[in-house]
Amino acid sequence: MGIYSDPALMNWFVSEYPKHSKQKLDMGKSCVRFKKMDEIPYELVGELMKKISVKEWIHVYETNMKK
């Protein structure tokens, strides 16, 4: 997922999550965990996927990768 590499994107997701789910956000560095499938806020996940393209993610990854 990689939102941890973009603080603005991470802050957006964390602030938007309560608007889409009654469950507490259970999130690791790059994982969002759900106990039941019907608790997944698919609309929010879809919005998140639209916020960064594959090309942008590859650039962020390559920029931050330790050589």
PDB file of N, CA and C in Angstrom:
ATOM      1  N   MET A   1       0.835  -1.178   0.000  1.00  0.00           N
ATOM      2  CA  MET A   1       0.000   0.000   0.000  1.00  0.00           C
ATOM      3  C   MET A   1       0.873   1.231   0.000  1.00  0.00           C
ATOM      4  N   GLY A   2       1.751   1.366   0.943  1.00  0.00           N
ATOM      5  CA  GLY A   2       2.745   2.420   0.884  1.00  0.00           C
ATOM      6  C   GLY A   2       2.316   3.810   1.286  1.00  0.00           C
ATOM      7  N   ILE A   3       1.155   3.977   1.912  1.00  0.00           N
ATOM      8  CA  ILE A   3       0.785   5.342   2.269  1.00  0.00           C
ATOM      9  C   ILE A   3       1.691   5.904   3.356  1.00  0.00           C
ATOM     10  N   TYR A   4       2.416   5.022   4.037  1.00  0.00           N
ATOM     11  CA  TYR A   4       3.347   5.483   5.071  1.00  0.00           C
ATOM     12  C   TYR A   4       4.466   6.334   4.474  1.00  0.00           C
ATOM     13  N   SER A   5       4.727   6.202   3.195  1.00  0.00           N
ATOM     14  CA  SER A   5       5.812   6.954   2.568  1.00  0.00           C
ATOM     15  C   SER A   5       5.388   8.364   2.162  1.00  0.00           C
ATOM     16  N   ASP A   6       4.110   8.666   2.252  1.00  0.00           N
ATOM     17  CA  ASP A   6       3.590   9.986   1.912  1.00  0.00           C
ATOM     18  C   ASP A   6       2.782  10.502   3.100  1.00  0.00           C
ATOM     19  N   PRO A   7       3.394  11.324   3.956  1.00  0.00           N
ATOM     20  CA  PRO A   7       2.699  11.790   5.166  1.00  0.00           C
ATOM     21  C   PRO A   7       1.366  12.484   4.891  1.00  0.00           C
ATOM     22  N   ALA A   8       1.272  13.248   3.822  1.00  0.00           N
ATOM     23  CA  ALA A   8       0.008  13.928   3.512  1.00  0.00           C
ATOM     24  C   ALA A   8      -1.082  12.912   3.193  1.00  0.00           C
ATOM     25  N   LEU A   9      -0.746  11.887   2.436  1.00  0.00           N
ATOM     26  CA  LEU A   9      -1.700  10.840   2.091  1.00  0.00           C
ATOM     27  C   LEU A   9      -2.099  10.044   3.335  1.00  0.00           C
ATOM     28  N   MET A  10      -1.142   9.761   4.188  1.00  0.00           N
ATOM     29  CA  MET A  10      -1.421   9.039   5.433  1.00  0.00           C
ATOM     30  C   MET A  10      -2.365   9.858   6.317  1.00  0.00           C
ATOM     31  N   ASN A  11      -2.087  11.149   6.469  1.00  0.00           N
ATOM     32  CA  ASN A  11      -2.943  12.011   7.287  1.00  0.00           C
ATOM     33  C   ASN A  11      -4.351  12.091   6.708  1.00  0.00           C
ATOM     34  N   TRP A  12      -4.449  12.163   5.386  1.00  0.00           N
ATOM     35  CA  TRP A  12      -5.765  12.190   4.748  1.00  0.00           C
ATOM     36  C   TRP A  12      -6.544  10.924   5.085  1.00  0.00           C
ATOM     37  N   PHE A  13      -5.902   9.769   4.920  1.00  0.00           N
ATOM     38  CA  PHE A  13      -6.579   8.500   5.159  1.00  0.00           C
ATOM     39  C   PHE A  13      -7.026   8.379   6.614  1.00  0.00           C
ATOM     40  N   VAL A  14      -6.141   8.704   7.535  1.00  0.00           N
ATOM     41  CA  VAL A  14      -6.459   8.586   8.962  1.00  0.00           C
ATOM     42  C   VAL A  14      -7.612   9.522   9.343  1.00  0.00           C
ATOM     43  N   SER A  15      -7.631  10.718   8.777  1.00  0.00           N
ATOM     44  CA  SER A  15      -8.711  11.656   9.108  1.00  0.00           C
ATOM     45  C   SER A  15     -10.034  11.283   8.427  1.00  0.00           C
ATOM     46  N   GLU A  16      -9.974  10.665   7.257  1.00  0.00           N
ATOM     47  CA  GLU A  16     -11.185  10.270   6.540  1.00  0.00           C
ATOM     48  C   GLU A  16     -11.793   8.968   7.062  1.00  0.00           C
ATOM     49  N   TYR A  17     -10.987   8.096   7.609  1.00  0.00           N
ATOM     50  CA  TYR A  17     -11.452   6.776   8.023  1.00  0.00           C
ATOM     51  C   TYR A  17     -12.681   6.818   8.941  1.00  0.00           C
ATOM     52  N   PRO A  18     -12.678   7.657   9.986  1.00  0.00           N
ATOM     53  CA  PRO A  18     -13.856   7.670  10.877  1.00  0.00           C
ATOM     54  C   PRO A  18     -15.154   8.111  10.185  1.00  0.00           C
ATOM     55  N   LYS A  19     -15.050   8.805   9.080  1.00  0.00           N
ATOM     56  CA  LYS A  19     -16.236   9.224   8.338  1.00  0.00           C
ATOM     57  C   LYS A  19     -16.856   8.059   7.568  1.00  0.00           C
ATOM     58  N   HIS A  20     -16.080   6.989   7.381  1.00  0.00           N
ATOM     59  CA  HIS A  20     -16.523   5.855   6.569  1.00  0.00           C
ATOM     60  C   HIS A  20     -16.713   4.563   7.356  1.00  0.00           C
ATOM     61  N   SER A  21     -16.277   4.555   8.612  1.00  0.00           N
ATOM     62  CA  SER A  21     -16.378   3.330   9.393  1.00  0.00           C
ATOM     63  C   SER A  21     -16.602   3.650  10.861  1.00  0.00           C
ATOM     64  N   LYS A  22     -17.407   2.822  11.507  1.00  0.00           N
ATOM     65  CA  LYS A  22     -17.640   2.971  12.949  1.00  0.00           C
ATOM     66  C   LYS A  22     -16.573   2.239  13.753  1.00  0.00           C
ATOM     67  N   GLN A  23     -15.806   1.381  13.082  1.00  0.00           N
ATOM     68  CA  GLN A  23     -14.766   0.600  13.746  1.00  0.00           C
ATOM     69  C   GLN A  23     -13.510   1.441  13.952  1.00  0.00           C
ATOM     70  N   LYS A  24     -12.777   1.140  15.002  1.00  0.00           N
ATOM     71  CA  LYS A  24     -11.496   1.800  15.248  1.00  0.00           C
ATOM     72  C   LYS A  24     -10.510   1.387  14.159  1.00  0.00           C
ATOM     73  N   LEU A  25      -9.717   2.343  13.691  1.00  0.00           N
ATOM     74  CA  LEU A  25      -8.713   2.061  12.662  1.00  0.00           C
ATOM     75  C   LEU A  25      -7.625   1.166  13.239  1.00  0.00           C
ATOM     76  N   ASP A  26      -7.443   0.001  12.658  1.00  0.00           N
ATOM     77  CA  ASP A  26      -6.401  -0.951  13.053  1.00  0.00           C
ATOM     78  C   ASP A  26      -5.410  -0.997  11.901  1.00  0.00           C
ATOM     79  N   MET A  27      -4.356  -0.194  12.025  1.00  0.00           N
ATOM     80  CA  MET A  27      -3.446  -0.012  10.903  1.00  0.00           C
ATOM     81  C   MET A  27      -2.008  -0.162  11.348  1.00  0.00           C
ATOM     82  N   GLY A  28      -1.254  -0.924  10.562  1.00  0.00           N
ATOM     83  CA  GLY A  28       0.177  -1.035  10.764  1.00  0.00           C
ATOM     84  C   GLY A  28       0.878  -0.061   9.832  1.00  0.00           C
ATOM     85  N   LYS A  29       2.117  -0.327   9.544  1.00  0.00           N
ATOM     86  CA  LYS A  29       2.869   0.577   8.674  1.00  0.00           C
ATOM     87  C   LYS A  29       2.299   0.594   7.264  1.00  0.00           C
ATOM     88  N   SER A  30       1.911  -0.545   6.744  1.00  0.00           N
ATOM     89  CA  SER A  30       1.324  -0.566   5.401  1.00  0.00           C
ATOM     90  C   SER A  30       0.142  -1.525   5.304  1.00  0.00           C
ATOM     91  N   CYS A  31      -0.461  -1.851   6.436  1.00  0.00           N
ATOM     92  CA  CYS A  31      -1.607  -2.757   6.451  1.00  0.00           C
ATOM     93  C   CYS A  31      -2.775  -2.106   7.175  1.00  0.00           C
ATOM     94  N   VAL A  32      -3.965  -2.312   6.658  1.00  0.00           N
ATOM     95  CA  VAL A  32      -5.180  -1.941   7.367  1.00  0.00           C
ATOM     96  C   VAL A  32      -5.906  -3.248   7.611  1.00  0.00           C
ATOM     97  N   ARG A  33      -6.172  -3.553   8.887  1.00  0.00           N
ATOM     98  CA  ARG A  33      -6.765  -4.843   9.234  1.00  0.00           C
ATOM     99  C   ARG A  33      -8.245  -4.695   9.585  1.00  0.00           C
ATOM    100  N   PHE A  34      -9.038  -5.649   9.116  1.00  0.00           N
ATOM    101  CA  PHE A  34     -10.467  -5.690   9.391  1.00  0.00           C
ATOM    102  C   PHE A  34     -10.810  -7.070   9.917  1.00  0.00           C
ATOM    103  N   LYS A  35     -11.732  -7.131  10.879  1.00  0.00           N
ATOM    104  CA  LYS A  35     -12.130  -8.416  11.437  1.00  0.00           C
ATOM    105  C   LYS A  35     -13.230  -9.066  10.605  1.00  0.00           C
ATOM    106  N   LYS A  36     -14.055  -8.241   9.954  1.00  0.00           N
ATOM    107  CA  LYS A  36     -15.155  -8.771   9.146  1.00  0.00           C
ATOM    108  C   LYS A  36     -15.165  -8.062   7.801  1.00  0.00           C
ATOM    109  N   MET A  37     -15.476  -8.811   6.762  1.00  0.00           N
ATOM    110  CA  MET A  37     -15.483  -8.233   5.412  1.00  0.00           C
ATOM    111  C   MET A  37     -16.500  -7.104   5.264  1.00  0.00           C
ATOM    112  N   ASP A  38     -17.610  -7.199   5.990  1.00  0.00           N
ATOM    113  CA  ASP A  38     -18.630  -6.155   5.853  1.00  0.00           C
ATOM    114  C   ASP A  38     -18.238  -4.858   6.561  1.00  0.00           C
ATOM    115  N   GLU A  39     -17.090  -4.831   7.228  1.00  0.00           N
ATOM    116  CA  GLU A  39     -16.587  -3.623   7.877  1.00  0.00           C
ATOM    117  C   GLU A  39     -15.629  -2.831   6.972  1.00  0.00           C
ATOM    118  N   ILE A  40     -15.289  -3.372   5.816  1.00  0.00           N
ATOM    119  CA  ILE A  40     -14.314  -2.721   4.927  1.00  0.00           C
ATOM    120  C   ILE A  40     -14.976  -1.533   4.233  1.00  0.00           C
ATOM    121  N   PRO A  41     -14.414  -0.324   4.389  1.00  0.00           N
ATOM    122  CA  PRO A  41     -14.972   0.849   3.717  1.00  0.00           C
ATOM    123  C   PRO A  41     -14.471   0.936   2.268  1.00  0.00           C
ATOM    124  N   TYR A  42     -15.097   0.171   1.398  1.00  0.00           N
ATOM    125  CA  TYR A  42     -14.633   0.059   0.009  1.00  0.00           C
ATOM    126  C   TYR A  42     -14.581   1.412  -0.700  1.00  0.00           C
ATOM    127  N   GLU A  43     -15.535   2.289  -0.409  1.00  0.00           N
ATOM    128  CA  GLU A  43     -15.544   3.602  -1.051  1.00  0.00           C
ATOM    129  C   GLU A  43     -14.282   4.392  -0.674  1.00  0.00           C
ATOM    130  N   LEU A  44     -13.915   4.352   0.582  1.00  0.00           N
ATOM    131  CA  LEU A  44     -12.709   5.047   1.042  1.00  0.00           C
ATOM    132  C   LEU A  44     -11.452   4.431   0.426  1.00  0.00           C
ATOM    133  N   VAL A  45     -11.393   3.127   0.365  1.00  0.00           N
ATOM    134  CA  VAL A  45     -10.238   2.455  -0.248  1.00  0.00           C
ATOM    135  C   VAL A  45     -10.147   2.840  -1.726  1.00  0.00           C
ATOM    136  N   GLY A  46     -11.275   2.934  -2.392  1.00  0.00           N
ATOM    137  CA  GLY A  46     -11.288   3.354  -3.787  1.00  0.00           C
ATOM    138  C   GLY A  46     -10.774   4.777  -3.958  1.00  0.00           C
ATOM    139  N   GLU A  47     -11.182   5.676  -3.060  1.00  0.00           N
ATOM    140  CA  GLU A  47     -10.688   7.049  -3.106  1.00  0.00           C
ATOM    141  C   GLU A  47      -9.177   7.083  -2.903  1.00  0.00           C
ATOM    142  N   LEU A  48      -8.695   6.271  -1.986  1.00  0.00           N
ATOM    143  CA  LEU A  48      -7.262   6.199  -1.713  1.00  0.00           C
ATOM    144  C   LEU A  48      -6.492   5.748  -2.947  1.00  0.00           C
ATOM    145  N   MET A  49      -7.004   4.749  -3.629  1.00  0.00           N
ATOM    146  CA  MET A  49      -6.320   4.226  -4.812  1.00  0.00           C
ATOM    147  C   MET A  49      -6.244   5.259  -5.937  1.00  0.00           C
ATOM    148  N   LYS A  50      -7.206   6.163  -5.980  1.00  0.00           N
ATOM    149  CA  LYS A  50      -7.213   7.207  -7.005  1.00  0.00           C
ATOM    150  C   LYS A  50      -6.219   8.327  -6.706  1.00  0.00           C
ATOM    151  N   LYS A  51      -5.744   8.402  -5.475  1.00  0.00           N
ATOM    152  CA  LYS A  51      -4.893   9.516  -5.060  1.00  0.00           C
ATOM    153  C   LYS A  51      -3.429   9.362  -5.459  1.00  0.00           C
ATOM    154  N   ILE A  52      -3.005   8.165  -5.845  1.00  0.00           N
ATOM    155  CA  ILE A  52      -1.618   7.970  -6.262  1.00  0.00           C
ATOM    156  C   ILE A  52      -1.583   6.964  -7.412  1.00  0.00           C
ATOM    157  N   SER A  53      -0.895   7.332  -8.457  1.00  0.00           N
ATOM    158  CA  SER A  53      -0.799   6.437  -9.609  1.00  0.00           C
ATOM    159  C   SER A  53       0.341   5.439  -9.395  1.00  0.00           C
ATOM    160  N   VAL A  54       0.355   4.415 -10.199  1.00  0.00           N
ATOM    161  CA  VAL A  54       1.437   3.427 -10.129  1.00  0.00           C
ATOM    162  C   VAL A  54       2.774   4.116 -10.407  1.00  0.00           C
ATOM    163  N   LYS A  55       2.793   4.981 -11.395  1.00  0.00           N
ATOM    164  CA  LYS A  55       4.018   5.699 -11.749  1.00  0.00           C
ATOM    165  C   LYS A  55       4.518   6.561 -10.582  1.00  0.00           C
ATOM    166  N   GLU A  56       3.593   7.255  -9.900  1.00  0.00           N
ATOM    167  CA  GLU A  56       3.969   8.070  -8.737  1.00  0.00           C
ATOM    168  C   GLU A  56       4.513   7.196  -7.614  1.00  0.00           C
ATOM    169  N   TRP A  57       3.853   6.041  -7.378  1.00  0.00           N
ATOM    170  CA  TRP A  57       4.299   5.152  -6.309  1.00  0.00           C
ATOM    171  C   TRP A  57       5.697   4.607  -6.602  1.00  0.00           C
ATOM    172  N   ILE A  58       5.955   4.225  -7.830  1.00  0.00           N
ATOM    173  CA  ILE A  58       7.286   3.727  -8.200  1.00  0.00           C
ATOM    174  C   ILE A  58       8.329   4.808  -7.968  1.00  0.00           C
ATOM    175  N   HIS A  59       8.011   6.051  -8.317  1.00  0.00           N
ATOM    176  CA  HIS A  59       8.947   7.151  -8.096  1.00  0.00           C
ATOM    177  C   HIS A  59       9.229   7.329  -6.598  1.00  0.00           C
ATOM    178  N   VAL A  60       8.185   7.318  -5.779  1.00  0.00           N
ATOM    179  CA  VAL A  60       8.364   7.451  -4.318  1.00  0.00           C
ATOM    180  C   VAL A  60       9.216   6.300  -3.790  1.00  0.00           C
ATOM    181  N   TYR A  61       8.917   5.097  -4.238  1.00  0.00           N
ATOM    182  CA  TYR A  61       9.655   3.917  -3.796  1.00  0.00           C
ATOM    183  C   TYR A  61      11.130   4.013  -4.163  1.00  0.00           C
ATOM    184  N   GLU A  62      11.391   4.322  -5.431  1.00  0.00           N
ATOM    185  CA  GLU A  62      12.788   4.397  -5.878  1.00  0.00           C
ATOM    186  C   GLU A  62      13.544   5.544  -5.217  1.00  0.00           C
ATOM    187  N   THR A  63      12.865   6.644  -4.941  1.00  0.00           N
ATOM    188  CA  THR A  63      13.489   7.785  -4.275  1.00  0.00           C
ATOM    189  C   THR A  63      13.878   7.446  -2.842  1.00  0.00           C
ATOM    190  N   ASN A  64      13.047   6.663  -2.166  1.00  0.00           N
ATOM    191  CA  ASN A  64      13.275   6.350  -0.751  1.00  0.00           C
ATOM    192  C   ASN A  64      14.009   5.055  -0.500  1.00  0.00           C
ATOM    193  N   MET A  65      14.218   4.260  -1.548  1.00  0.00           N
ATOM    194  CA  MET A  65      14.883   2.967  -1.398  1.00  0.00           C
ATOM    195  C   MET A  65      16.352   3.171  -1.052  1.00  0.00           C
ATOM    196  N   LYS A  66      16.805   2.439  -0.060  1.00  0.00           N
ATOM    197  CA  LYS A  66      18.219   2.506   0.311  1.00  0.00           C
ATOM    198  C   LYS A  66      19.037   1.718  -0.697  1.00  0.00           C
ATOM    199  N   LYS A  67      20.121   2.326  -1.148  1.00  0.00           N
ATOM    200  CA  LYS A  67      20.983   1.642  -2.119  1.00  0.00           C
ATOM    201  C   LYS A  67      22.232   1.138  -1.466  1.00  0.00           C
TER     202      LYS A  67
END
